Protein backbone atom coordinates (compact mmCIF):
# COMPACT_ATOMS: atom_id res chain seq x y z
CA MET A 1 -0.14 -0.02 -0.03
CA ASN A 2 1.10 3.43 -0.73
CA ILE A 3 0.55 5.79 2.11
CA VAL A 4 1.32 9.57 2.18
CA CYS A 5 1.10 11.67 5.51
CA VAL A 6 0.58 15.43 5.04
CA GLY A 7 2.82 17.34 7.92
CA GLY A 8 5.96 16.61 9.30
CA GLY A 9 5.40 17.30 12.89
CA PRO A 10 5.58 14.74 15.55
CA ALA A 11 2.04 13.27 14.46
CA GLY A 12 2.84 12.77 10.87
CA LEU A 13 6.39 11.26 11.44
CA TYR A 14 5.24 8.88 14.13
CA ALA A 15 2.32 7.89 11.78
CA GLY A 16 4.43 7.37 9.13
CA LEU A 17 6.98 5.41 11.11
CA LEU A 18 4.44 3.21 12.88
CA MET A 19 2.44 2.31 9.67
CA LYS A 20 5.81 1.38 7.95
CA LEU A 21 6.78 -0.97 10.84
CA ARG A 22 3.45 -2.48 10.80
CA ASP A 23 4.08 -3.83 7.34
CA PRO A 24 7.68 -2.97 5.70
CA ARG A 25 5.85 -3.61 2.29
CA HIS A 26 4.04 -0.33 2.58
CA ASN A 27 5.72 2.57 0.83
CA VAL A 28 5.20 5.43 3.05
CA THR A 29 6.18 9.14 2.57
CA VAL A 30 5.80 12.12 4.97
CA VAL A 31 5.44 15.54 3.28
CA GLU A 32 6.30 18.56 5.26
CA ARG A 33 6.05 22.25 4.17
CA ASN A 34 8.75 23.45 6.02
CA ARG A 35 12.67 22.62 5.52
CA ALA A 36 14.22 19.88 7.47
CA GLY A 37 15.68 21.28 10.66
CA ASP A 38 12.97 24.15 11.00
CA THR A 39 10.74 24.02 13.88
CA PHE A 40 8.63 26.33 15.81
CA GLY A 41 7.86 26.33 19.51
CA TRP A 42 10.22 25.16 22.53
CA GLY A 43 9.42 21.98 24.31
CA VAL A 44 6.93 19.65 24.83
CA VAL A 45 5.76 17.68 27.85
CA PHE A 46 4.65 14.26 28.43
CA SER A 47 3.30 12.24 31.20
CA ASP A 48 4.73 8.90 32.36
CA GLN A 49 1.62 7.14 31.11
CA THR A 50 2.39 8.61 27.53
CA LEU A 51 6.03 7.09 27.79
CA GLY A 52 4.44 3.74 28.40
CA ASN A 53 2.23 3.90 25.36
CA LEU A 54 5.32 5.02 23.26
CA ALA A 55 7.45 2.08 24.45
CA LEU A 56 4.89 -0.26 23.32
CA ALA A 57 4.35 1.15 19.91
CA ASP A 58 8.10 1.41 19.17
CA ALA A 59 10.76 0.52 21.49
CA PRO A 60 13.66 2.24 19.76
CA SER A 61 12.21 5.72 19.39
CA ALA A 62 10.89 5.37 23.03
CA ARG A 63 14.34 4.73 24.34
CA ALA A 64 15.77 7.84 22.35
CA ILE A 65 13.12 10.05 23.46
CA GLU A 66 13.31 8.83 27.06
CA ALA A 67 17.08 9.52 26.99
CA ALA A 68 16.55 13.01 26.03
CA PHE A 69 13.86 13.75 28.48
CA ASN A 70 13.99 16.24 31.45
CA ARG A 71 12.02 14.77 34.41
CA TRP A 72 10.37 16.16 37.39
CA ASP A 73 7.29 15.43 39.50
CA ALA A 74 6.25 18.66 41.08
CA ILE A 75 3.64 21.40 40.36
CA ASP A 76 4.51 24.96 41.84
CA VAL A 77 1.65 27.64 42.11
CA LEU A 78 3.32 30.89 42.69
CA ILE A 79 0.73 33.91 43.82
CA ASN A 80 0.97 36.85 45.94
CA GLY A 81 4.54 36.15 46.94
CA ALA A 82 3.90 32.71 47.98
CA THR A 83 4.49 29.29 46.64
CA VAL A 84 2.58 26.20 47.09
CA ARG A 85 4.37 22.69 45.72
CA SER A 86 2.64 19.51 45.12
CA HIS A 87 4.77 16.51 44.23
CA GLY A 88 3.67 13.09 42.74
CA HIS A 89 2.83 14.31 39.10
CA GLY A 90 5.28 12.46 36.96
CA PHE A 91 6.16 14.95 34.08
CA CYS A 92 8.81 14.46 31.02
CA GLY A 93 9.99 17.46 28.74
CA ILE A 94 11.89 17.32 25.64
CA ALA A 95 12.69 20.01 23.17
CA ARG A 96 10.45 20.11 20.23
CA LYS A 97 13.34 20.25 17.86
CA ARG A 98 15.12 17.18 19.59
CA LEU A 99 11.81 15.35 19.49
CA LEU A 100 11.51 16.00 15.80
CA GLY A 101 15.12 14.90 14.95
CA ILE A 102 14.64 11.62 16.79
CA LEU A 103 11.38 10.80 14.82
CA GLN A 104 13.09 11.74 11.59
CA ALA A 105 16.31 9.59 12.00
CA ARG A 106 13.92 6.54 13.10
CA CYS A 107 11.64 7.25 9.78
CA GLU A 108 15.03 7.23 7.69
CA GLU A 109 16.07 3.95 9.35
CA ALA A 110 12.81 2.42 8.88
CA GLY A 111 12.45 3.27 5.19
CA VAL A 112 10.16 6.14 5.27
CA ALA A 113 10.70 8.61 2.47
CA LEU A 114 11.02 12.24 3.67
CA VAL A 115 10.08 15.24 1.54
CA PHE A 116 10.60 18.75 2.93
CA ASP A 117 9.93 22.12 1.50
CA THR A 118 6.57 21.12 -0.06
CA GLU A 119 3.41 22.88 0.47
CA VAL A 120 0.20 20.65 0.21
CA THR A 121 -3.07 22.14 0.00
CA ASP A 122 -4.76 19.57 -2.32
CA ALA A 123 -5.11 15.96 -1.26
CA VAL A 124 -6.13 14.77 -4.80
CA VAL A 125 -3.16 16.16 -6.46
CA LEU A 126 -0.93 14.78 -3.81
CA ALA A 127 -2.54 11.13 -3.95
CA ARG A 128 -2.15 11.28 -7.86
CA ARG A 129 1.54 12.24 -7.70
CA HIS A 130 2.23 9.51 -5.07
CA GLY A 131 -0.19 7.03 -6.46
CA ALA A 132 -1.46 6.80 -2.83
CA ASP A 133 -3.65 4.25 -1.47
CA LEU A 134 -4.34 6.32 1.79
CA VAL A 135 -3.78 10.10 2.81
CA VAL A 136 -3.17 11.02 6.25
CA ALA A 137 -3.71 14.62 6.99
CA ALA A 138 -1.58 15.57 9.87
CA ASP A 139 -1.12 19.34 8.73
CA GLY A 140 -2.22 21.14 11.99
CA VAL A 141 -5.14 22.76 13.44
CA HIS A 142 -5.49 24.94 10.35
CA SER A 143 -5.24 22.10 8.11
CA ALA A 144 -5.64 23.09 4.45
CA ILE A 145 -6.57 19.67 3.56
CA ARG A 146 -9.45 19.59 6.16
CA THR A 147 -10.55 23.11 5.15
CA ARG A 148 -10.84 21.78 1.35
CA HIS A 149 -12.97 19.13 2.54
CA ALA A 150 -14.69 20.94 5.56
CA ALA A 151 -18.40 19.85 4.24
CA VAL A 152 -17.37 16.19 5.15
CA PHE A 153 -15.16 16.49 8.15
CA GLN A 154 -17.63 19.27 9.69
CA PRO A 155 -14.95 21.26 11.66
CA ASP A 156 -15.99 23.14 14.80
CA LEU A 157 -13.08 25.91 15.27
CA GLN A 158 -13.66 28.20 18.36
CA GLU A 159 -11.27 30.95 19.07
CA GLN A 160 -11.01 31.33 22.95
CA THR A 161 -11.07 34.71 25.00
CA CYS A 162 -7.55 34.89 26.26
CA ARG A 163 -4.41 35.96 24.34
CA TYR A 164 -1.37 33.88 24.79
CA VAL A 165 2.48 34.23 23.75
CA TRP A 166 4.49 31.03 23.43
CA LEU A 167 8.16 32.10 24.84
CA GLY A 168 11.17 30.48 26.00
CA THR A 169 13.61 31.24 28.83
CA ARG A 170 17.13 30.09 30.02
CA ARG A 171 15.65 30.00 33.57
CA ARG A 172 15.86 26.48 35.13
CA PHE A 173 12.67 25.27 36.78
CA ALA A 174 12.49 22.54 39.33
CA ALA A 175 8.87 21.99 38.72
CA PHE A 176 5.95 22.76 36.27
CA THR A 177 5.27 26.16 37.42
CA PHE A 178 2.06 28.27 37.27
CA ALA A 179 2.93 31.89 38.15
CA PHE A 180 0.11 34.63 38.55
CA GLU A 181 0.54 38.40 38.71
CA GLN A 182 -2.24 40.93 39.16
CA THR A 183 -1.70 44.49 37.22
CA GLU A 184 -3.99 47.55 37.27
CA HIS A 185 -5.57 45.97 33.95
CA GLY A 186 -6.08 42.50 35.10
CA TRP A 187 -4.41 39.10 35.71
CA PHE A 188 -1.44 37.64 33.85
CA GLN A 189 -0.50 34.04 34.29
CA ALA A 190 2.63 32.07 33.16
CA HIS A 191 2.91 28.41 32.34
CA ALA A 192 6.41 27.11 32.63
CA TYR A 193 8.46 24.04 32.24
CA PRO A 194 11.79 22.65 31.61
CA TYR A 195 12.49 20.70 28.67
CA ASP A 196 16.34 20.45 28.56
CA ASP A 197 19.42 21.19 30.81
CA GLY A 198 19.37 24.94 29.66
CA HIS A 199 15.92 25.95 28.69
CA ALA A 200 12.34 26.09 29.51
CA THR A 201 9.03 27.00 27.99
CA PHE A 202 7.53 30.06 29.22
CA ILE A 203 3.76 30.55 28.13
CA ILE A 204 2.02 33.90 29.24
CA GLU A 205 -1.55 34.21 28.97
CA THR A 206 -4.33 37.07 29.73
CA PRO A 207 -7.74 38.11 28.97
CA GLU A 208 -8.05 39.86 25.77
CA SER A 209 -9.29 43.09 27.83
CA THR A 210 -6.30 42.91 29.81
CA TRP A 211 -4.11 42.46 26.88
CA ARG A 212 -5.51 45.43 25.14
CA ALA A 213 -5.77 47.67 28.14
CA SER A 214 -1.93 46.79 29.08
CA GLY A 215 -0.96 48.22 25.44
CA LEU A 216 0.79 44.88 24.17
CA ALA A 217 -1.56 45.02 21.11
CA ASP A 218 0.88 47.81 19.87
CA LEU A 219 4.38 46.67 21.07
CA ASP A 220 7.14 45.13 19.14
CA PRO A 221 8.94 42.08 20.05
CA ALA A 222 11.58 43.50 22.09
CA ALA A 223 9.12 45.85 24.02
CA THR A 224 6.73 42.77 24.35
CA LEU A 225 9.72 40.73 26.12
CA ALA A 226 10.70 43.72 28.23
CA PHE A 227 7.19 44.09 29.44
CA CYS A 228 6.91 40.48 30.37
CA GLU A 229 10.35 40.28 31.87
CA ARG A 230 9.25 43.02 34.40
CA LEU A 231 5.92 41.41 35.06
CA PHE A 232 7.50 37.87 35.79
CA ALA A 233 10.87 39.26 37.26
CA ARG A 234 10.56 37.15 40.53
CA VAL A 235 9.83 34.02 38.57
CA LEU A 236 12.54 34.61 36.15
CA GLY A 237 15.28 35.45 38.57
CA GLY A 238 16.95 37.77 36.15
CA GLU A 239 17.15 35.35 33.16
CA PRO A 240 15.74 36.88 29.92
CA LEU A 241 12.87 35.74 27.90
CA LEU A 242 13.27 34.30 24.37
CA THR A 243 11.02 34.55 21.24
CA GLN A 244 10.85 33.18 17.77
CA ALA A 245 8.45 35.78 16.61
CA THR A 246 9.31 38.23 13.88
CA ARG A 247 6.19 40.55 14.34
CA GLY A 248 4.90 42.10 17.55
CA GLY A 249 1.49 43.01 18.66
CA ALA A 250 -1.42 40.76 17.45
CA GLY A 251 1.11 38.79 15.24
CA MET A 252 2.94 37.71 18.20
CA TRP A 253 -0.08 36.98 20.65
CA HIS A 254 -2.57 34.19 19.80
CA ARG A 255 -6.13 32.94 20.84
CA PHE A 256 -6.27 29.32 21.50
CA ALA A 257 -8.53 27.41 18.78
CA ARG A 258 -10.44 24.71 20.23
CA LEU A 259 -11.31 22.19 17.36
CA THR A 260 -13.55 19.35 16.90
CA CYS A 261 -14.56 17.31 14.04
CA ARG A 262 -17.80 15.42 13.50
CA GLN A 263 -16.03 13.10 10.93
CA TRP A 264 -12.24 12.03 10.82
CA VAL A 265 -12.59 9.81 7.66
CA HIS A 266 -13.20 10.78 4.20
CA ALA A 267 -12.73 9.35 0.47
CA ILE A 268 -11.53 11.43 -2.23
CA ASP A 269 -11.88 10.58 -6.15
CA VAL A 270 -8.60 10.42 -7.62
CA ALA A 271 -8.86 9.91 -11.43
CA GLY A 272 -11.72 7.52 -10.88
CA ARG A 273 -9.95 5.67 -8.03
CA ARG A 274 -11.55 5.74 -4.46
CA VAL A 275 -8.68 6.93 -2.11
CA PRO A 276 -9.28 7.21 1.74
CA LEU A 277 -8.26 10.46 3.58
CA VAL A 278 -8.00 10.43 7.36
CA LEU A 279 -7.27 13.28 9.85
CA LEU A 280 -4.80 12.78 12.56
CA GLY A 281 -3.59 15.00 15.67
CA ASP A 282 -4.12 18.73 15.59
CA ALA A 283 -5.82 18.60 12.06
CA ALA A 284 -8.65 16.62 13.78
CA HIS A 285 -8.77 18.10 17.54
CA THR A 286 -7.05 20.41 19.75
CA ALA A 287 -6.59 20.53 23.54
CA HIS A 288 -5.92 23.66 25.71
CA PHE A 289 -2.06 23.77 26.36
CA SER A 290 -2.84 24.25 30.21
CA ILE A 291 -3.08 20.49 30.43
CA GLY A 292 -0.05 19.90 27.90
CA SER A 293 -1.74 17.10 26.20
CA GLY A 294 -1.77 18.10 22.41
CA THR A 295 1.35 16.02 21.30
CA LYS A 296 0.42 13.31 23.43
CA LEU A 297 -3.11 12.92 21.73
CA ALA A 298 -1.37 13.08 18.38
CA LEU A 299 1.22 10.27 19.03
CA GLU A 300 -1.70 8.08 20.54
CA ASP A 301 -3.55 8.89 17.29
CA ALA A 302 -0.70 7.54 15.36
CA ILE A 303 -0.60 4.57 17.43
CA ALA A 304 -4.13 3.89 17.13
CA LEU A 305 -4.21 4.51 13.24
CA ALA A 306 -1.07 2.14 12.55
CA ALA A 307 -2.59 -0.50 14.74
CA SER A 308 -5.75 -0.17 12.95
CA LEU A 309 -4.57 -1.00 9.45
CA PRO A 310 -5.45 -4.32 8.08
CA ALA A 311 -2.93 -6.90 8.19
CA GLU A 312 -3.78 -8.16 4.85
CA ALA A 313 -3.23 -6.31 1.56
CA ASP A 314 -6.86 -7.08 0.58
CA GLY A 315 -8.15 -6.35 3.98
CA ASP A 316 -11.01 -3.75 4.71
CA LEU A 317 -9.24 -0.42 4.82
CA ASP A 318 -12.53 1.46 5.07
CA ALA A 319 -13.90 -0.53 8.18
CA ALA A 320 -10.30 -0.09 9.95
CA LEU A 321 -10.49 3.57 9.40
CA LEU A 322 -14.01 3.82 11.12
CA ARG A 323 -12.77 1.72 13.97
CA TYR A 324 -9.88 3.98 14.40
CA GLN A 325 -12.25 7.09 14.27
CA ALA A 326 -14.70 5.76 16.75
CA ALA A 327 -11.94 4.67 19.16
CA ARG A 328 -10.12 7.94 19.14
CA MET A 329 -13.11 10.10 19.13
CA THR A 330 -14.16 8.62 22.42
CA GLU A 331 -10.68 9.08 24.17
CA VAL A 332 -10.02 12.54 22.42
CA SER A 333 -13.57 13.72 23.96
CA LYS A 334 -12.57 12.66 27.53
CA LEU A 335 -9.48 14.59 27.30
CA GLN A 336 -11.10 17.65 25.54
CA SER A 337 -13.65 17.79 28.32
CA ALA A 338 -10.73 18.14 30.80
CA ALA A 339 -9.07 20.59 28.70
CA ARG A 340 -11.99 22.59 28.39
CA ASN A 341 -12.56 22.88 32.19
CA SER A 342 -8.82 23.71 32.55
CA MET A 343 -9.22 26.39 30.05
CA ASP A 344 -12.26 28.00 31.61
CA TRP A 345 -10.37 28.16 34.88
CA PHE A 346 -7.50 30.11 33.30
CA GLU A 347 -9.86 32.32 31.51
CA ASN A 348 -11.43 33.29 34.80
CA VAL A 349 -8.57 33.56 37.15
CA ALA A 350 -10.03 36.88 38.58
CA ARG A 351 -12.64 34.79 40.09
CA TYR A 352 -10.33 32.67 42.12
CA GLY A 353 -7.78 35.59 42.88
CA ALA A 354 -9.07 36.71 46.11
CA MET A 355 -8.98 33.32 47.67
CA PRO A 356 -6.52 32.29 50.30
CA VAL A 357 -3.37 30.97 48.58
CA ASP A 358 -3.90 27.45 49.83
CA GLY A 359 -7.32 27.51 48.32
CA PHE A 360 -6.24 28.91 45.05
CA ALA A 361 -3.68 26.34 44.68
CA TYR A 362 -5.84 23.58 45.27
CA SER A 363 -8.46 24.90 42.86
CA LEU A 364 -5.81 24.97 40.12
CA LEU A 365 -4.54 21.59 40.83
CA THR A 366 -8.19 20.03 40.57
CA ARG A 367 -9.49 22.30 37.78
CA SER A 368 -9.83 19.82 35.03
CA GLN A 369 -11.63 17.24 37.35
CA ARG A 370 -9.06 14.69 36.26
CA LEU A 371 -7.41 14.74 39.69
CA SER A 372 -9.74 14.31 42.82
CA HIS A 373 -9.06 15.36 46.49
CA GLU A 374 -8.24 11.44 46.87
CA ASN A 375 -5.99 11.18 43.86
CA LEU A 376 -3.92 14.18 45.14
CA ARG A 377 -3.68 12.25 48.49
CA LEU A 378 -2.12 9.12 46.67
CA ARG A 379 0.25 11.42 44.81
CA ASP A 380 1.35 13.62 47.79
CA PRO A 381 0.02 12.53 51.26
CA ALA A 382 1.99 15.36 52.83
CA TYR A 383 0.45 18.23 50.75
CA ILE A 384 -3.26 17.08 51.27
CA GLU A 385 -2.77 16.48 55.03
CA GLY A 386 -1.27 19.80 55.15
CA PHE A 387 -3.94 21.43 53.17
CA GLU A 388 -6.59 19.45 55.46
CA ARG A 389 -5.31 20.92 58.66
CA ARG A 390 -5.05 24.47 57.47
CA PHE A 391 -8.37 24.43 55.73
CA ALA A 392 -10.38 22.72 58.78
CA ALA A 393 -8.80 25.53 61.01
CA GLN A 394 -9.91 28.24 58.85
CA ALA A 395 -13.29 26.79 58.42
CA ALA A 396 -13.68 26.30 62.35
CA GLU A 397 -12.48 29.79 62.97
CA GLN A 398 -15.11 31.30 60.43
CA ALA A 399 -17.80 29.05 61.93
CA GLY A 400 -16.87 30.06 65.50
CA VAL A 401 -16.13 26.55 66.74
CA ALA A 402 -13.25 24.77 68.06
CA ALA A 403 -10.77 23.60 65.55
CA PRO A 404 -10.47 19.82 65.16
CA THR A 405 -7.55 17.74 66.52
CA MET A 406 -6.85 15.75 63.20
CA ALA A 407 -6.86 16.58 59.31
CA THR A 408 -10.38 16.58 58.19
CA PRO A 409 -11.49 16.31 54.55
CA PRO A 410 -12.85 19.88 53.61
CA MET A 411 -16.33 18.47 52.74
CA PHE A 412 -16.79 17.60 56.35
CA THR A 413 -15.64 20.85 57.95
CA PRO A 414 -18.54 23.13 59.39
CA LEU A 415 -19.96 25.67 57.43
CA ARG A 416 -22.06 28.65 58.93
CA VAL A 417 -24.92 29.88 56.21
CA ARG A 418 -26.45 32.92 57.64
CA ASP A 419 -27.52 31.81 61.26
CA VAL A 420 -27.56 28.25 60.40
CA LEU A 421 -24.37 26.16 61.55
CA LEU A 422 -23.92 23.18 59.43
CA LYS A 423 -21.81 20.10 60.56
CA ASN A 424 -20.39 19.77 56.88
CA ARG A 425 -20.67 21.29 53.41
CA VAL A 426 -23.17 19.06 51.66
CA VAL A 427 -25.76 21.50 50.99
CA VAL A 428 -28.55 20.93 48.62
CA SER A 429 -31.41 23.11 47.56
CA PRO A 430 -35.02 22.26 48.44
CA MET A 431 -36.43 20.21 45.72
CA ALA A 432 -40.39 20.96 46.49
């Protein structure tokens, strides 16, 4: 089978590699619009679970990726001059350029053809040129191929309300760091994490109204960096911020685009021949960067797609692609739901900014609803015990009762509602 993957990012490269490994008889080509060695962005982050999935799919590439990882297990929340740290989260970071280099080298080793500096907007023309039996569109959130066939794929692309800028720094972080600064115009937050021995990703996010009121829409890249360095001086510890942007203002700042598609599979007519076309990675879906799962989802798409291909040349490819779509849509929808919760939390930081530091950090850690109170206890018992003791003491003081002698889950602390003192916080409205 002749397979062409459009997009030489992690998704396209990994899909091409795994499909070639599944059946070396496949002729697999990956076509990328940029030149070899070009990359955009700084680092990407994985969880320990994602590493396990990669190891099962292709051990050699997983070993090479793991050897380049920077590991940490803590999350730091910085606000109002205080820092709250929670352990047990298991993160790994790698430079995007290093990840691409590993996957490119592994593709070449496996016999996948890599074609660079080639723009593709028409899957039919591409399929005719390569005699393709399957076209995989992994050309990103603004996929030209998906756009051309939008009537079938039915994409829903929604730009969110915050502005963000993707920066780098030489500041070394020991944890996944969330830092918050309040200005006269509103809140700014930074998402920072290490990805190699000398660099970290540093994303700054703020509501559109705050961004405009701060004058950032009119600043060039140098002035933008200077503004952000002053704002997050305590976090950066004197290190400068780095950018790959060539334009300032709105050209430097982005709004996250949340993408879902009703269909991921289509068939195009290529000179009277029916050729399946399938979406992969950000071309099919996105997840907000605050949960760091965009690359994870793309690579797991690639694993599922390769695994779904029929083992025999005359197998039912259409049925296989529909199985891939059904399986991945279910998994992606779960993570997109968590990502939306997380995104909403960060878009409404002002709602939580007046909370005590403990409560603010706890709200952030549980924002996506993937981490429960008891799950946090499993990850970091000391953090949860300390949080419970402090919360229970505050609750007792507010209710005017004696403080408990032991750590107590927040649900079971007293709550005074007007003149009524409740023994716990389980409150429901009357049904009648």
